[in-house]
Protein backbone atom coordinates (compact mmCIF):
# COMPACT_ATOMS: atom_id res chain seq x y z
CA UNK A 1 0.00 0.00 0.00
CA UNK A 2 2.87 2.33 0.86
CA UNK A 3 4.38 1.95 -2.63
CA UNK A 4 1.09 3.04 -4.26
CA UNK A 5 1.03 6.13 -2.06
CA UNK A 6 4.57 7.02 -3.13
CA UNK A 7 3.76 6.51 -6.83
CA UNK A 8 0.61 8.65 -6.49
CA UNK A 9 2.66 11.39 -4.78
CA UNK A 10 5.27 11.33 -7.58
CA UNK A 11 2.55 11.58 -10.25
CA UNK A 12 0.94 14.52 -8.43
CA UNK A 13 4.32 16.26 -8.24
CA UNK A 14 4.87 15.76 -11.98
CA UNK A 15 1.37 17.06 -12.72
CA UNK A 16 1.99 20.11 -10.58
CA UNK A 17 5.22 20.83 -12.48
CA UNK A 18 3.58 20.52 -15.92
CA UNK A 19 3.66 23.86 -17.71
CA UNK A 20 1.86 25.17 -20.73
CA UNK A 21 4.23 26.00 -23.58
CA UNK A 22 3.80 28.91 -25.96
CA UNK A 23 3.15 28.14 -29.63
CA UNK A 24 6.79 28.83 -30.43
CA UNK A 25 8.12 26.68 -27.58
CA UNK A 26 5.77 23.85 -28.52
CA UNK A 27 6.95 23.82 -32.14
CA UNK A 28 10.54 23.43 -30.93
CA UNK A 29 9.75 20.25 -29.00
CA UNK A 30 10.38 16.91 -30.75
CA UNK A 31 7.41 14.89 -32.00
CA UNK A 32 7.11 11.41 -30.51
CA UNK A 33 5.49 8.76 -32.70
CA UNK A 34 4.73 5.93 -30.28
CA UNK A 35 2.97 5.67 -26.95
CA UNK A 36 5.80 3.45 -25.66
CA UNK A 37 8.30 6.25 -26.30
CA UNK A 38 6.05 8.81 -24.64
CA UNK A 39 5.47 6.62 -21.57
CA UNK A 40 9.23 6.14 -21.16
CA UNK A 41 9.69 9.94 -21.09
CA UNK A 42 6.38 11.41 -19.86
CA UNK A 43 7.96 14.67 -18.74
CA UNK A 44 9.18 15.26 -22.33
CA UNK A 45 6.02 14.05 -24.10
CA UNK A 46 4.68 17.39 -25.31
CA UNK A 47 3.87 16.34 -28.88
CA UNK A 48 2.61 12.92 -29.96
CA UNK A 49 1.74 11.89 -33.51
CA UNK A 50 -0.09 8.56 -33.80
CA UNK A 51 -1.44 9.20 -37.30
CA UNK A 52 -1.81 6.35 -39.82
CA UNK A 53 -1.38 3.57 -37.26
CA UNK A 54 -4.71 1.80 -37.92
CA UNK A 55 -5.79 2.44 -34.33
CA UNK A 56 -9.32 1.33 -33.47
CA UNK A 57 -9.07 2.46 -29.85
CA UNK A 58 -6.65 4.37 -27.69
CA UNK A 59 -4.79 2.72 -24.80
CA UNK A 60 -5.51 4.09 -21.34
CA UNK A 61 -1.80 4.83 -20.85
CA UNK A 62 -2.16 7.68 -23.36
CA UNK A 63 -4.39 9.58 -20.96
CA UNK A 64 -1.71 9.63 -18.24
CA UNK A 65 0.62 11.84 -20.31
CA UNK A 66 0.24 14.93 -18.13
CA UNK A 67 2.50 17.19 -20.26
CA UNK A 68 0.89 16.34 -23.60
CA UNK A 69 0.01 19.52 -25.50
CA UNK A 70 -0.32 18.35 -29.11
CA UNK A 71 -1.99 15.08 -30.10
CA UNK A 72 -2.42 13.88 -33.68
CA UNK A 73 -4.63 10.86 -34.29
CA UNK A 74 -5.40 11.48 -37.97
CA UNK A 75 -6.09 8.71 -40.50
CA UNK A 76 -6.87 5.94 -38.05
CA UNK A 77 -10.01 3.82 -37.57
CA UNK A 78 -11.28 5.37 -34.35
CA UNK A 79 -15.05 5.17 -33.83
CA UNK A 80 -14.99 6.80 -30.44
CA UNK A 81 -12.66 8.57 -28.05
CA UNK A 82 -12.56 7.62 -24.39
CA UNK A 83 -13.99 10.12 -21.88
CA UNK A 84 -10.51 9.92 -20.33
CA UNK A 85 -9.48 12.40 -23.03
CA UNK A 86 -10.56 15.00 -20.47
CA UNK A 87 -7.54 14.04 -18.32
CA UNK A 88 -5.17 15.72 -20.80
CA UNK A 89 -5.72 19.14 -19.28
CA UNK A 90 -2.68 20.75 -20.96
CA UNK A 91 -3.71 19.75 -24.48
CA UNK A 92 -3.62 22.71 -26.88
CA UNK A 93 -3.94 20.99 -30.29
CA UNK A 94 -6.02 17.96 -31.17
CA UNK A 95 -6.20 16.37 -34.62
CA UNK A 96 -8.70 13.51 -35.03
CA UNK A 97 -9.33 14.02 -38.74
CA UNK A 98 -10.08 11.13 -41.13
CA UNK A 99 -11.44 8.66 -38.60
CA UNK A 100 -14.91 7.19 -38.06
CA UNK A 101 -15.99 9.37 -35.14
CA UNK A 102 -19.63 10.28 -34.63
CA UNK A 103 -19.40 12.28 -31.38
CA UNK A 104 -16.95 13.89 -29.00
CA UNK A 105 -17.05 12.81 -25.35
CA UNK A 106 -18.54 15.47 -23.08
CA UNK A 107 -15.22 15.45 -21.18
CA UNK A 108 -13.72 17.45 -24.05
CA UNK A 109 -15.09 20.40 -22.10
CA UNK A 110 -12.30 19.85 -19.54
CA UNK A 111 -9.67 20.74 -22.14
CA UNK A 112 -9.89 24.48 -21.63
CA UNK A 113 -6.37 25.06 -23.01
CA UNK A 114 -7.34 23.80 -26.47
CA UNK A 115 -6.72 26.36 -29.21
CA UNK A 116 -7.24 24.05 -32.19
CA UNK A 117 -9.43 21.05 -33.03
CA UNK A 118 -9.08 19.40 -36.43
CA UNK A 119 -11.90 16.87 -36.88
CA UNK A 120 -12.63 16.92 -40.60
CA UNK A 121 -13.68 13.83 -42.59
CA UNK A 122 -15.55 12.00 -39.84
CA UNK A 123 -19.23 11.22 -39.23
CA UNK A 124 -19.77 13.71 -36.41
CA UNK A 125 -23.46 14.58 -36.17
CA UNK A 126 -23.53 16.65 -32.99
CA UNK A 127 -21.34 18.64 -30.64
CA UNK A 128 -21.69 18.30 -26.87
CA UNK A 129 -22.83 21.41 -24.94
CA UNK A 130 -19.48 21.25 -23.12
CA UNK A 131 -17.82 22.54 -26.30
CA UNK A 132 -18.78 25.93 -24.90
CA UNK A 133 -16.16 25.52 -22.14
CA UNK A 134 -13.33 25.78 -24.66
CA UNK A 135 -13.00 29.53 -24.38
CA UNK A 136 -9.43 29.54 -25.75
CA UNK A 137 -10.39 27.71 -28.95
CA UNK A 138 -9.28 29.63 -32.05
CA UNK A 139 -9.76 27.05 -34.81
CA UNK A 140 -12.46 24.40 -35.22
CA UNK A 141 -12.29 22.34 -38.41
CA UNK A 142 -15.40 20.21 -38.95
CA UNK A 143 -15.20 20.07 -42.74
CA UNK A 144 -17.03 17.09 -44.28
CA UNK A 145 -19.06 15.80 -41.34
CA UNK A 146 -22.81 15.30 -40.92
CA UNK A 147 -23.39 17.78 -38.10
CA UNK A 148 -27.02 18.68 -37.61
CA UNK A 149 -27.05 19.81 -33.99
CA UNK A 150 -25.15 22.85 -32.77
CA UNK A 151 -25.59 23.56 -29.05
CA UNK A 152 -26.33 27.15 -28.09
CA UNK A 153 -23.28 26.95 -25.78
CA UNK A 154 -21.09 27.33 -28.86
CA UNK A 155 -21.78 31.05 -28.46
CA UNK A 156 -19.34 31.02 -25.51
CA UNK A 157 -16.54 30.72 -28.09
CA UNK A 158 -17.40 33.97 -29.86
CA UNK A 159 -14.57 36.04 -28.35
CA UNK A 160 -11.67 33.81 -29.42
CA UNK A 161 -12.87 31.45 -32.17
CA UNK A 162 -11.38 32.89 -35.36
CA UNK A 163 -12.09 30.13 -37.85
CA UNK A 164 -14.89 27.55 -38.14
CA UNK A 165 -14.88 25.27 -41.18
CA UNK A 166 -18.26 23.73 -42.00
CA UNK A 167 -17.75 23.11 -45.70
CA UNK A 168 -19.25 19.95 -47.14
CA UNK A 169 -21.71 19.85 -44.22
CA UNK A 170 -25.36 19.94 -45.33
CA UNK A 171 -26.82 22.88 -43.45
CA UNK A 172 -29.83 24.85 -44.62
CA UNK A 173 -29.76 28.62 -44.85
CA UNK A 174 -31.78 29.12 -41.67
CA UNK A 175 -29.36 27.05 -39.57
CA UNK A 176 -26.39 28.74 -41.19
CA UNK A 177 -27.80 32.07 -40.05
CA UNK A 178 -28.33 30.78 -36.50
CA UNK A 179 -24.69 29.65 -36.32
CA UNK A 180 -23.48 32.95 -37.75
CA UNK A 181 -25.52 34.84 -35.15
CA UNK A 182 -24.07 32.76 -32.32
CA UNK A 183 -20.51 33.44 -33.56
CA UNK A 184 -20.55 37.00 -34.94
CA UNK A 185 -16.75 37.46 -34.74
CA UNK A 186 -15.83 34.13 -36.37
CA UNK A 187 -14.98 33.53 -40.01
CA UNK A 188 -17.30 30.64 -40.87
CA UNK A 189 -16.80 28.63 -44.04
CA UNK A 190 -20.10 27.14 -45.28
CA UNK A 191 -20.82 25.25 -48.45
CA UNK A 192 -23.79 26.44 -50.45
CA UNK A 193 -26.92 26.02 -48.33
CA UNK A 194 -29.08 22.98 -48.94
CA UNK A 195 -32.83 22.42 -48.98
CA UNK A 196 -32.41 20.05 -46.06
CA UNK A 197 -34.07 20.27 -42.65
C-alpha atoms as a PDB file:
ATOM      1  CA  UNK A   1       0.000   0.000   0.000  1.00  0.00           C
ATOM      2  CA  UNK A   2       2.868   2.334   0.856  1.00  0.00           C
ATOM      3  CA  UNK A   3       4.382   1.948  -2.634  1.00  0.00           C
ATOM      4  CA  UNK A   4       1.094   3.041  -4.265  1.00  0.00           C
ATOM      5  CA  UNK A   5       1.031   6.130  -2.062  1.00  0.00           C
ATOM      6  CA  UNK A   6       4.572   7.023  -3.133  1.00  0.00           C
ATOM      7  CA  UNK A   7       3.756   6.513  -6.833  1.00  0.00           C
ATOM      8  CA  UNK A   8       0.613   8.654  -6.490  1.00  0.00           C
ATOM      9  CA  UNK A   9       2.664  11.386  -4.781  1.00  0.00           C
ATOM     10  CA  UNK A  10       5.265  11.335  -7.584  1.00  0.00           C
ATOM     11  CA  UNK A  11       2.545  11.584 -10.254  1.00  0.00           C
ATOM     12  CA  UNK A  12       0.937  14.515  -8.427  1.00  0.00           C
ATOM     13  CA  UNK A  13       4.316  16.255  -8.236  1.00  0.00           C
ATOM     14  CA  UNK A  14       4.871  15.755 -11.978  1.00  0.00           C
ATOM     15  CA  UNK A  15       1.373  17.055 -12.715  1.00  0.00           C
ATOM     16  CA  UNK A  16       1.986  20.108 -10.585  1.00  0.00           C
ATOM     17  CA  UNK A  17       5.219  20.829 -12.476  1.00  0.00           C
ATOM     18  CA  UNK A  18       3.584  20.521 -15.924  1.00  0.00           C
ATOM     19  CA  UNK A  19       3.659  23.857 -17.706  1.00  0.00           C
ATOM     20  CA  UNK A  20       1.864  25.167 -20.729  1.00  0.00           C
ATOM     21  CA  UNK A  21       4.229  25.997 -23.583  1.00  0.00           C
ATOM     22  CA  UNK A  22       3.800  28.910 -25.961  1.00  0.00           C
ATOM     23  CA  UNK A  23       3.148  28.139 -29.634  1.00  0.00           C
ATOM     24  CA  UNK A  24       6.793  28.830 -30.432  1.00  0.00           C
ATOM     25  CA  UNK A  25       8.119  26.680 -27.580  1.00  0.00           C
ATOM     26  CA  UNK A  26       5.775  23.851 -28.520  1.00  0.00           C
ATOM     27  CA  UNK A  27       6.953  23.820 -32.139  1.00  0.00           C
ATOM     28  CA  UNK A  28      10.541  23.433 -30.925  1.00  0.00           C
ATOM     29  CA  UNK A  29       9.747  20.247 -29.001  1.00  0.00           C
ATOM     30  CA  UNK A  30      10.385  16.906 -30.754  1.00  0.00           C
ATOM     31  CA  UNK A  31       7.412  14.893 -32.005  1.00  0.00           C
ATOM     32  CA  UNK A  32       7.106  11.408 -30.511  1.00  0.00           C
ATOM     33  CA  UNK A  33       5.491   8.759 -32.701  1.00  0.00           C
ATOM     34  CA  UNK A  34       4.733   5.935 -30.278  1.00  0.00           C
ATOM     35  CA  UNK A  35       2.975   5.673 -26.948  1.00  0.00           C
ATOM     36  CA  UNK A  36       5.798   3.451 -25.663  1.00  0.00           C
ATOM     37  CA  UNK A  37       8.303   6.246 -26.304  1.00  0.00           C
ATOM     38  CA  UNK A  38       6.055   8.807 -24.637  1.00  0.00           C
ATOM     39  CA  UNK A  39       5.470   6.619 -21.566  1.00  0.00           C
ATOM     40  CA  UNK A  40       9.230   6.141 -21.158  1.00  0.00           C
ATOM     41  CA  UNK A  41       9.695   9.938 -21.087  1.00  0.00           C
ATOM     42  CA  UNK A  42       6.378  11.412 -19.856  1.00  0.00           C
ATOM     43  CA  UNK A  43       7.959  14.674 -18.740  1.00  0.00           C
ATOM     44  CA  UNK A  44       9.184  15.259 -22.334  1.00  0.00           C
ATOM     45  CA  UNK A  45       6.020  14.050 -24.096  1.00  0.00           C
ATOM     46  CA  UNK A  46       4.676  17.392 -25.307  1.00  0.00           C
ATOM     47  CA  UNK A  47       3.870  16.337 -28.879  1.00  0.00           C
ATOM     48  CA  UNK A  48       2.609  12.921 -29.958  1.00  0.00           C
ATOM     49  CA  UNK A  49       1.737  11.892 -33.514  1.00  0.00           C
ATOM     50  CA  UNK A  50      -0.091   8.558 -33.798  1.00  0.00           C
ATOM     51  CA  UNK A  51      -1.436   9.196 -37.295  1.00  0.00           C
ATOM     52  CA  UNK A  52      -1.806   6.351 -39.822  1.00  0.00           C
ATOM     53  CA  UNK A  53      -1.380   3.569 -37.255  1.00  0.00           C
ATOM     54  CA  UNK A  54      -4.709   1.797 -37.916  1.00  0.00           C
ATOM     55  CA  UNK A  55      -5.788   2.437 -34.331  1.00  0.00           C
ATOM     56  CA  UNK A  56      -9.324   1.335 -33.465  1.00  0.00           C
ATOM     57  CA  UNK A  57      -9.075   2.462 -29.854  1.00  0.00           C
ATOM     58  CA  UNK A  58      -6.646   4.369 -27.686  1.00  0.00           C
ATOM     59  CA  UNK A  59      -4.787   2.719 -24.802  1.00  0.00           C
ATOM     60  CA  UNK A  60      -5.505   4.087 -21.336  1.00  0.00           C
ATOM     61  CA  UNK A  61      -1.796   4.834 -20.853  1.00  0.00           C
ATOM     62  CA  UNK A  62      -2.162   7.676 -23.361  1.00  0.00           C
ATOM     63  CA  UNK A  63      -4.387   9.582 -20.955  1.00  0.00           C
ATOM     64  CA  UNK A  64      -1.712   9.634 -18.241  1.00  0.00           C
ATOM     65  CA  UNK A  65       0.623  11.841 -20.311  1.00  0.00           C
ATOM     66  CA  UNK A  66       0.244  14.932 -18.126  1.00  0.00           C
ATOM     67  CA  UNK A  67       2.503  17.193 -20.258  1.00  0.00           C
ATOM     68  CA  UNK A  68       0.887  16.339 -23.600  1.00  0.00           C
ATOM     69  CA  UNK A  69       0.008  19.519 -25.499  1.00  0.00           C
ATOM     70  CA  UNK A  70      -0.318  18.353 -29.110  1.00  0.00           C
ATOM     71  CA  UNK A  71      -1.987  15.079 -30.097  1.00  0.00           C
ATOM     72  CA  UNK A  72      -2.417  13.881 -33.685  1.00  0.00           C
ATOM     73  CA  UNK A  73      -4.632  10.864 -34.293  1.00  0.00           C
ATOM     74  CA  UNK A  74      -5.401  11.477 -37.970  1.00  0.00           C
ATOM     75  CA  UNK A  75      -6.089   8.709 -40.500  1.00  0.00           C
ATOM     76  CA  UNK A  76      -6.872   5.936 -38.054  1.00  0.00           C
ATOM     77  CA  UNK A  77     -10.007   3.823 -37.565  1.00  0.00           C
ATOM     78  CA  UNK A  78     -11.285   5.372 -34.349  1.00  0.00           C
ATOM     79  CA  UNK A  79     -15.045   5.172 -33.834  1.00  0.00           C
ATOM     80  CA  UNK A  80     -14.991   6.801 -30.436  1.00  0.00           C
ATOM     81  CA  UNK A  81     -12.665   8.567 -28.049  1.00  0.00           C
ATOM     82  CA  UNK A  82     -12.561   7.618 -24.394  1.00  0.00           C
ATOM     83  CA  UNK A  83     -13.993  10.116 -21.877  1.00  0.00           C
ATOM     84  CA  UNK A  84     -10.512   9.920 -20.335  1.00  0.00           C
ATOM     85  CA  UNK A  85      -9.482  12.404 -23.029  1.00  0.00           C
ATOM     86  CA  UNK A  86     -10.562  14.999 -20.470  1.00  0.00           C
ATOM     87  CA  UNK A  87      -7.538  14.037 -18.322  1.00  0.00           C
ATOM     88  CA  UNK A  88      -5.167  15.724 -20.802  1.00  0.00           C
ATOM     89  CA  UNK A  89      -5.715  19.144 -19.284  1.00  0.00           C
ATOM     90  CA  UNK A  90      -2.677  20.752 -20.961  1.00  0.00           C
ATOM     91  CA  UNK A  91      -3.705  19.747 -24.480  1.00  0.00           C
ATOM     92  CA  UNK A  92      -3.619  22.710 -26.884  1.00  0.00           C
ATOM     93  CA  UNK A  93      -3.945  20.991 -30.288  1.00  0.00           C
ATOM     94  CA  UNK A  94      -6.023  17.964 -31.169  1.00  0.00           C
ATOM     95  CA  UNK A  95      -6.204  16.372 -34.623  1.00  0.00           C
ATOM     96  CA  UNK A  96      -8.697  13.513 -35.032  1.00  0.00           C
ATOM     97  CA  UNK A  97      -9.326  14.024 -38.740  1.00  0.00           C
ATOM     98  CA  UNK A  98     -10.079  11.134 -41.126  1.00  0.00           C
ATOM     99  CA  UNK A  99     -11.441   8.657 -38.603  1.00  0.00           C
ATOM    100  CA  UNK A 100     -14.912   7.190 -38.064  1.00  0.00           C
ATOM    101  CA  UNK A 101     -15.986   9.366 -35.141  1.00  0.00           C
ATOM    102  CA  UNK A 102     -19.634  10.279 -34.631  1.00  0.00           C
ATOM    103  CA  UNK A 103     -19.401  12.283 -31.382  1.00  0.00           C
ATOM    104  CA  UNK A 104     -16.947  13.886 -28.998  1.00  0.00           C
ATOM    105  CA  UNK A 105     -17.055  12.812 -25.351  1.00  0.00           C
ATOM    106  CA  UNK A 106     -18.539  15.473 -23.077  1.00  0.00           C
ATOM    107  CA  UNK A 107     -15.223  15.446 -21.178  1.00  0.00           C
ATOM    108  CA  UNK A 108     -13.720  17.452 -24.050  1.00  0.00           C
ATOM    109  CA  UNK A 109     -15.095  20.401 -22.102  1.00  0.00           C
ATOM    110  CA  UNK A 110     -12.302  19.848 -19.544  1.00  0.00           C
ATOM    111  CA  UNK A 111      -9.666  20.743 -22.135  1.00  0.00           C
ATOM    112  CA  UNK A 112      -9.886  24.483 -21.626  1.00  0.00           C
ATOM    113  CA  UNK A 113      -6.367  25.061 -23.014  1.00  0.00           C
ATOM    114  CA  UNK A 114      -7.345  23.797 -26.475  1.00  0.00           C
ATOM    115  CA  UNK A 115      -6.715  26.359 -29.207  1.00  0.00           C
ATOM    116  CA  UNK A 116      -7.238  24.050 -32.191  1.00  0.00           C
ATOM    117  CA  UNK A 117      -9.428  21.051 -33.025  1.00  0.00           C
ATOM    118  CA  UNK A 118      -9.080  19.403 -36.431  1.00  0.00           C
ATOM    119  CA  UNK A 119     -11.899  16.867 -36.884  1.00  0.00           C
ATOM    120  CA  UNK A 120     -12.625  16.917 -40.604  1.00  0.00           C
ATOM    121  CA  UNK A 121     -13.677  13.828 -42.592  1.00  0.00           C
ATOM    122  CA  UNK A 122     -15.549  12.001 -39.841  1.00  0.00           C
ATOM    123  CA  UNK A 123     -19.226  11.224 -39.232  1.00  0.00           C
ATOM    124  CA  UNK A 124     -19.765  13.706 -36.409  1.00  0.00           C
ATOM    125  CA  UNK A 125     -23.460  14.583 -36.175  1.00  0.00           C
ATOM    126  CA  UNK A 126     -23.534  16.649 -32.986  1.00  0.00           C
ATOM    127  CA  UNK A 127     -21.338  18.641 -30.639  1.00  0.00           C
ATOM    128  CA  UNK A 128     -21.689  18.298 -26.868  1.00  0.00           C
ATOM    129  CA  UNK A 129     -22.826  21.407 -24.942  1.00  0.00           C
ATOM    130  CA  UNK A 130     -19.478  21.249 -23.117  1.00  0.00           C
ATOM    131  CA  UNK A 131     -17.819  22.535 -26.298  1.00  0.00           C
ATOM    132  CA  UNK A 132     -18.783  25.930 -24.897  1.00  0.00           C
ATOM    133  CA  UNK A 133     -16.164  25.518 -22.136  1.00  0.00           C
ATOM    134  CA  UNK A 134     -13.325  25.779 -24.664  1.00  0.00           C
ATOM    135  CA  UNK A 135     -13.003  29.528 -24.380  1.00  0.00           C
ATOM    136  CA  UNK A 136      -9.429  29.542 -25.751  1.00  0.00           C
ATOM    137  CA  UNK A 137     -10.391  27.714 -28.950  1.00  0.00           C
ATOM    138  CA  UNK A 138      -9.282  29.635 -32.049  1.00  0.00           C
ATOM    139  CA  UNK A 139      -9.764  27.055 -34.814  1.00  0.00           C
ATOM    140  CA  UNK A 140     -12.459  24.397 -35.216  1.00  0.00           C
ATOM    141  CA  UNK A 141     -12.289  22.343 -38.412  1.00  0.00           C
ATOM    142  CA  UNK A 142     -15.403  20.209 -38.946  1.00  0.00           C
ATOM    143  CA  UNK A 143     -15.204  20.068 -42.741  1.00  0.00           C
ATOM    144  CA  UNK A 144     -17.026  17.087 -44.278  1.00  0.00           C
ATOM    145  CA  UNK A 145     -19.064  15.799 -41.342  1.00  0.00           C
ATOM    146  CA  UNK A 146     -22.808  15.296 -40.916  1.00  0.00           C
ATOM    147  CA  UNK A 147     -23.394  17.778 -38.103  1.00  0.00           C
ATOM    148  CA  UNK A 148     -27.018  18.679 -37.610  1.00  0.00           C
ATOM    149  CA  UNK A 149     -27.050  19.814 -33.989  1.00  0.00           C
ATOM    150  CA  UNK A 150     -25.145  22.854 -32.771  1.00  0.00           C
ATOM    151  CA  UNK A 151     -25.589  23.555 -29.052  1.00  0.00           C
ATOM    152  CA  UNK A 152     -26.334  27.149 -28.086  1.00  0.00           C
ATOM    153  CA  UNK A 153     -23.284  26.954 -25.781  1.00  0.00           C
ATOM    154  CA  UNK A 154     -21.086  27.329 -28.859  1.00  0.00           C
ATOM    155  CA  UNK A 155     -21.785  31.053 -28.458  1.00  0.00           C
ATOM    156  CA  UNK A 156     -19.340  31.016 -25.511  1.00  0.00           C
ATOM    157  CA  UNK A 157     -16.542  30.718 -28.090  1.00  0.00           C
ATOM    158  CA  UNK A 158     -17.395  33.967 -29.861  1.00  0.00           C
ATOM    159  CA  UNK A 159     -14.569  36.040 -28.348  1.00  0.00           C
ATOM    160  CA  UNK A 160     -11.666  33.808 -29.421  1.00  0.00           C
ATOM    161  CA  UNK A 161     -12.871  31.455 -32.169  1.00  0.00           C
ATOM    162  CA  UNK A 162     -11.376  32.888 -35.360  1.00  0.00           C
ATOM    163  CA  UNK A 163     -12.093  30.129 -37.854  1.00  0.00           C
ATOM    164  CA  UNK A 164     -14.892  27.550 -38.141  1.00  0.00           C
ATOM    165  CA  UNK A 165     -14.876  25.265 -41.183  1.00  0.00           C
ATOM    166  CA  UNK A 166     -18.265  23.726 -42.004  1.00  0.00           C
ATOM    167  CA  UNK A 167     -17.748  23.115 -45.700  1.00  0.00           C
ATOM    168  CA  UNK A 168     -19.246  19.946 -47.140  1.00  0.00           C
ATOM    169  CA  UNK A 169     -21.713  19.848 -44.221  1.00  0.00           C
ATOM    170  CA  UNK A 170     -25.361  19.941 -45.333  1.00  0.00           C
ATOM    171  CA  UNK A 171     -26.817  22.883 -43.447  1.00  0.00           C
ATOM    172  CA  UNK A 172     -29.833  24.847 -44.619  1.00  0.00           C
ATOM    173  CA  UNK A 173     -29.764  28.622 -44.849  1.00  0.00           C
ATOM    174  CA  UNK A 174     -31.776  29.120 -41.667  1.00  0.00           C
ATOM    175  CA  UNK A 175     -29.361  27.045 -39.575  1.00  0.00           C
ATOM    176  CA  UNK A 176     -26.394  28.738 -41.194  1.00  0.00           C
ATOM    177  CA  UNK A 177     -27.798  32.066 -40.049  1.00  0.00           C
ATOM    178  CA  UNK A 178     -28.329  30.778 -36.498  1.00  0.00           C
ATOM    179  CA  UNK A 179     -24.691  29.648 -36.321  1.00  0.00           C
ATOM    180  CA  UNK A 180     -23.480  32.951 -37.750  1.00  0.00           C
ATOM    181  CA  UNK A 181     -25.525  34.841 -35.152  1.00  0.00           C
ATOM    182  CA  UNK A 182     -24.067  32.758 -32.321  1.00  0.00           C
ATOM    183  CA  UNK A 183     -20.513  33.444 -33.555  1.00  0.00           C
ATOM    184  CA  UNK A 184     -20.548  36.999 -34.942  1.00  0.00           C
ATOM    185  CA  UNK A 185     -16.745  37.456 -34.740  1.00  0.00           C
ATOM    186  CA  UNK A 186     -15.832  34.131 -36.367  1.00  0.00           C
ATOM    187  CA  UNK A 187     -14.980  33.530 -40.010  1.00  0.00           C
ATOM    188  CA  UNK A 188     -17.298  30.639 -40.874  1.00  0.00           C
ATOM    189  CA  UNK A 189     -16.803  28.625 -44.041  1.00  0.00           C
ATOM    190  CA  UNK A 190     -20.101  27.145 -45.284  1.00  0.00           C
ATOM    191  CA  UNK A 191     -20.822  25.247 -48.448  1.00  0.00           C
ATOM    192  CA  UNK A 192     -23.787  26.438 -50.452  1.00  0.00           C
ATOM    193  CA  UNK A 193     -26.922  26.023 -48.331  1.00  0.00           C
ATOM    194  CA  UNK A 194     -29.080  22.984 -48.944  1.00  0.00           C
ATOM    195  CA  UNK A 195     -32.829  22.424 -48.980  1.00  0.00           C
ATOM    196  CA  UNK A 196     -32.406  20.045 -46.062  1.00  0.00           C
ATOM    197  CA  UNK A 197     -34.072  20.268 -42.645  1.00  0.00           C
END
